[in-house]
Amino acid sequence: MREPAIVWWPGHIATGQVSHQLGSIMDLFTTSLSLAGLEPPSDRVIDGLDLLPSMLQGQLVDRPIFYYRGNTLMAVTLGQYKAHFWTWTNSWEEFKQGIDFCPGQNVSGVTTHTQEEHTKLPLVFHLGRDPGEKYPLSFASTEYLDVLRRITPVVQQHQEALVPGQPQLNVCNQAVMNWTPPGCEKLGKCLTPPESVPKKCFWPH
């Protein structure tokens, strides 16, 4: 999250410019097609955005980014604001065993060890003033109400148009682990991979 990207294309992208366009790994597909002069497939919804106008002309697109945990919409970013509909770091059982996903970053009411619902009144943060997401806006503030009026229809439209797919990143298979790392032959330490049995992953958190 929140990683900068560096783009270099002499003769096309001016040196020294900075863009605040919000991007996603999903955009690489669409942008690559645009670079190759190809149109994206029309038989499915493509979530990625073509970033060429941002890189070449400095255009900014106020696009939402949705954050899921499994099938649950946990948060959404729109412009400088991020709204959390659920909070949950890891379970009390894990936390008591010393597993802490946010060491030194505990925020009361935000980093929770039970899954807390905020779908009626989401926690909203201004990422420009508060990049660490530690100080949610007051529910009674005009700023909060204005943001909620902008985010609510965006989320509704997203959920109404969503077509669930088969998860591609939630499958575990012991056979794909690295059983023969480089050099294991010389050491006689290569392991025999088990039978390939893909199954849905279980995540305790």
Protein backbone atom coordinates (compact mmCIF):
# COMPACT_ATOMS: atom_id res chain seq x y z
CA MET A 1 0.00 0.00 0.00
CA ARG A 2 1.07 3.58 -0.70
CA GLU A 3 4.21 2.67 -2.66
CA PRO A 4 5.60 5.23 -5.10
CA ALA A 5 6.16 4.30 -8.75
CA ILE A 6 8.95 5.63 -10.98
CA VAL A 7 8.29 5.91 -14.71
CA TRP A 8 11.06 6.55 -17.26
CA TRP A 9 10.40 7.10 -20.97
CA PRO A 10 12.81 9.59 -22.56
CA GLY A 11 11.18 11.77 -25.19
CA HIS A 12 7.68 11.07 -23.90
CA ILE A 13 7.60 11.67 -20.15
CA ALA A 14 9.09 14.94 -18.92
CA THR A 15 11.80 14.64 -16.30
CA GLY A 16 11.27 15.74 -12.73
CA GLN A 17 7.47 15.77 -12.73
CA VAL A 18 5.43 14.30 -9.90
CA SER A 19 1.93 12.86 -10.26
CA HIS A 20 -0.44 12.25 -7.39
CA GLN A 21 -2.56 9.85 -9.44
CA LEU A 22 -3.69 6.87 -7.37
CA GLY A 23 -2.74 3.65 -9.13
CA SER A 24 -3.12 -0.06 -8.65
CA ILE A 25 -1.42 -3.21 -9.92
CA MET A 26 -4.66 -3.79 -11.85
CA ASP A 27 -3.74 -0.76 -13.97
CA LEU A 28 -0.61 -2.40 -15.39
CA PHE A 29 -2.68 -4.60 -17.72
CA THR A 30 -4.79 -1.77 -19.13
CA THR A 31 -1.83 0.61 -19.42
CA SER A 32 0.27 -2.04 -21.18
CA LEU A 33 -2.49 -2.60 -23.73
CA SER A 34 -2.66 1.14 -24.34
CA LEU A 35 1.12 1.31 -24.84
CA ALA A 36 0.84 -1.48 -27.42
CA GLY A 37 -2.04 0.27 -29.22
CA LEU A 38 -4.52 -2.47 -28.29
CA GLU A 39 -8.05 -2.28 -26.94
CA PRO A 40 -8.93 -4.13 -23.72
CA PRO A 41 -11.29 -7.13 -24.01
CA SER A 42 -14.93 -6.09 -24.35
CA ASP A 43 -16.46 -9.36 -23.14
CA ARG A 44 -15.71 -8.66 -19.46
CA VAL A 45 -15.36 -5.81 -17.01
CA ILE A 46 -11.78 -4.55 -16.77
CA ASP A 47 -11.05 -2.90 -13.43
CA GLY A 48 -7.68 -1.45 -14.42
CA LEU A 49 -7.26 2.16 -15.48
CA ASP A 50 -5.12 3.37 -18.39
CA LEU A 51 -2.48 5.51 -16.66
CA LEU A 52 -0.97 6.94 -19.88
CA PRO A 53 -3.00 10.20 -19.74
CA SER A 54 -1.71 10.70 -16.21
CA MET A 55 1.90 9.98 -17.17
CA LEU A 56 1.95 11.86 -20.47
CA GLN A 57 -0.47 14.78 -19.92
CA GLY A 58 -0.54 15.00 -16.13
CA GLN A 59 -4.27 14.23 -15.98
CA LEU A 60 -5.74 13.11 -12.66
CA VAL A 61 -8.65 10.68 -12.38
CA ASP A 62 -10.53 10.69 -9.06
CA ARG A 63 -11.06 6.94 -9.02
CA PRO A 64 -12.01 4.74 -6.06
CA ILE A 65 -9.89 1.86 -4.81
CA PHE A 66 -11.76 -0.92 -2.98
CA TYR A 67 -10.08 -3.01 -0.28
CA TYR A 68 -11.37 -6.53 0.29
CA ARG A 69 -10.55 -9.18 2.85
CA GLY A 70 -11.92 -12.37 1.36
CA ASN A 71 -15.41 -11.47 0.14
CA THR A 72 -15.87 -8.58 2.58
CA LEU A 73 -15.46 -4.97 1.48
CA MET A 74 -13.33 -3.58 4.29
CA ALA A 75 -12.56 -0.06 3.04
CA VAL A 76 -12.55 2.30 0.08
CA THR A 77 -10.25 5.15 -0.90
CA LEU A 78 -11.63 8.09 -2.87
CA GLY A 79 -9.34 11.04 -3.46
CA GLN A 80 -7.65 12.00 -0.20
CA TYR A 81 -10.18 10.11 1.93
CA LYS A 82 -10.36 6.52 3.09
CA ALA A 83 -13.46 5.01 4.68
CA HIS A 84 -13.30 1.81 6.76
CA PHE A 85 -16.47 -0.29 6.90
CA TRP A 86 -14.93 -3.02 9.05
CA THR A 87 -11.92 -3.04 11.37
CA TRP A 88 -9.98 -6.14 12.29
CA THR A 89 -6.26 -6.78 12.59
CA ASN A 90 -5.88 -10.27 14.04
CA SER A 91 -7.72 -12.38 16.60
CA TRP A 92 -7.24 -12.14 20.35
CA GLU A 93 -5.96 -15.73 20.30
CA GLU A 94 -3.15 -14.82 17.89
CA PHE A 95 -2.44 -11.52 19.63
CA LYS A 96 -2.07 -13.24 23.02
CA GLN A 97 0.44 -15.62 21.42
CA GLY A 98 2.60 -12.63 20.45
CA ILE A 99 1.40 -12.28 16.84
CA ASP A 100 0.96 -8.55 16.26
CA PHE A 101 0.26 -7.29 12.74
CA CYS A 102 0.56 -3.63 13.80
CA PRO A 103 3.48 -3.53 16.30
CA GLY A 104 3.61 -0.18 18.06
CA GLN A 105 0.72 1.10 15.94
CA ASN A 106 -2.27 0.28 18.15
CA VAL A 107 -5.09 2.81 17.66
CA SER A 108 -8.06 2.47 19.99
CA GLY A 109 -11.21 1.60 18.06
CA VAL A 110 -9.31 1.21 14.78
CA THR A 111 -6.89 -1.71 15.26
CA THR A 112 -9.34 -4.22 16.71
CA HIS A 113 -8.94 -7.91 17.55
CA THR A 114 -12.56 -8.72 16.83
CA GLN A 115 -14.24 -7.92 13.54
CA GLU A 116 -16.08 -4.63 14.15
CA GLU A 117 -18.73 -3.35 11.76
CA HIS A 118 -18.85 0.32 10.72
CA THR A 119 -21.05 0.02 7.63
CA LYS A 120 -23.63 2.53 8.95
CA LEU A 121 -21.04 5.10 10.09
CA PRO A 122 -17.70 4.26 8.49
CA LEU A 123 -14.47 5.49 10.02
CA VAL A 124 -13.13 8.16 7.65
CA PHE A 125 -9.54 9.38 7.48
CA HIS A 126 -7.94 12.19 5.48
CA LEU A 127 -4.83 10.53 4.05
CA GLY A 128 -3.11 13.81 3.28
CA ARG A 129 -3.25 15.03 6.89
CA ASP A 130 -3.22 11.60 8.49
CA PRO A 131 -1.37 9.03 6.33
CA GLY A 132 -1.09 6.65 9.30
CA GLU A 133 -4.92 6.51 9.62
CA LYS A 134 -4.86 7.21 13.35
CA TYR A 135 -7.35 10.06 13.70
CA PRO A 136 -10.81 9.41 12.22
CA LEU A 137 -12.90 12.44 11.33
CA SER A 138 -15.63 13.40 13.79
CA PHE A 139 -19.00 11.95 12.79
CA ALA A 140 -20.58 15.36 13.51
CA SER A 141 -18.21 17.37 11.32
CA THR A 142 -19.28 18.94 8.04
CA GLU A 143 -16.23 17.37 6.40
CA TYR A 144 -17.32 13.88 7.45
CA LEU A 145 -20.85 14.38 6.15
CA ASP A 146 -19.58 15.76 2.83
CA VAL A 147 -17.23 12.79 2.38
CA LEU A 148 -19.97 10.31 3.26
CA ARG A 149 -22.25 11.86 0.62
CA ARG A 150 -19.50 11.35 -1.99
CA ILE A 151 -18.45 7.84 -0.98
CA THR A 152 -21.86 6.24 -0.37
CA PRO A 153 -23.11 6.28 -4.01
CA VAL A 154 -19.69 5.12 -5.25
CA VAL A 155 -19.82 2.06 -2.99
CA GLN A 156 -23.47 1.35 -3.87
CA GLN A 157 -22.72 1.49 -7.59
CA HIS A 158 -19.68 -0.79 -7.13
CA GLN A 159 -21.64 -3.40 -5.17
CA GLU A 160 -24.61 -3.36 -7.53
CA ALA A 161 -22.39 -3.85 -10.59
CA LEU A 162 -20.06 -6.40 -8.99
CA VAL A 163 -19.89 -9.79 -10.68
CA PRO A 164 -18.33 -12.30 -8.24
CA GLY A 165 -15.55 -14.40 -9.70
CA GLN A 166 -13.61 -17.47 -8.68
CA PRO A 167 -10.83 -16.38 -6.30
CA GLN A 168 -7.41 -16.80 -7.91
CA LEU A 169 -5.30 -15.91 -4.87
CA ASN A 170 -7.09 -17.92 -2.20
CA VAL A 171 -5.92 -21.41 -3.21
CA CYS A 172 -3.28 -23.27 -1.22
CA ASN A 173 -1.26 -26.17 -2.59
CA GLN A 174 1.73 -27.66 -0.76
CA ALA A 175 3.09 -29.04 -4.04
CA VAL A 176 4.00 -25.57 -5.33
CA MET A 177 6.32 -24.80 -2.41
CA ASN A 178 10.04 -24.64 -3.14
CA TRP A 179 11.00 -28.29 -2.56
CA THR A 180 14.19 -28.12 -4.66
CA PRO A 181 15.99 -24.82 -4.00
CA PRO A 182 19.09 -24.02 -6.11
CA GLY A 183 22.09 -26.09 -5.04
CA CYS A 184 20.11 -28.80 -3.26
CA GLU A 185 21.33 -31.43 -5.75
CA LYS A 186 24.99 -30.92 -4.76
CA LEU A 187 24.08 -31.16 -1.08
CA GLY A 188 21.76 -34.11 -1.57
CA LYS A 189 19.03 -32.15 0.24
CA CYS A 190 16.32 -31.94 -2.44
CA LEU A 191 12.87 -32.98 -1.22
CA THR A 192 10.22 -34.86 -3.16
CA PRO A 193 7.15 -32.67 -3.71
CA PRO A 194 3.89 -34.06 -2.36
CA GLU A 195 0.91 -34.77 -4.58
CA SER A 196 -0.76 -31.64 -5.95
CA VAL A 197 -3.98 -31.10 -3.98
CA PRO A 198 -5.25 -27.52 -4.42
CA LYS A 199 -7.72 -26.42 -1.78
CA LYS A 200 -9.19 -23.21 -0.42
CA CYS A 201 -6.84 -21.52 2.02
CA PHE A 202 -7.83 -21.04 5.64
CA TRP A 203 -6.71 -17.74 7.13
CA PRO A 204 -7.23 -17.47 10.91
CA HIS A 205 -7.11 -13.67 10.63
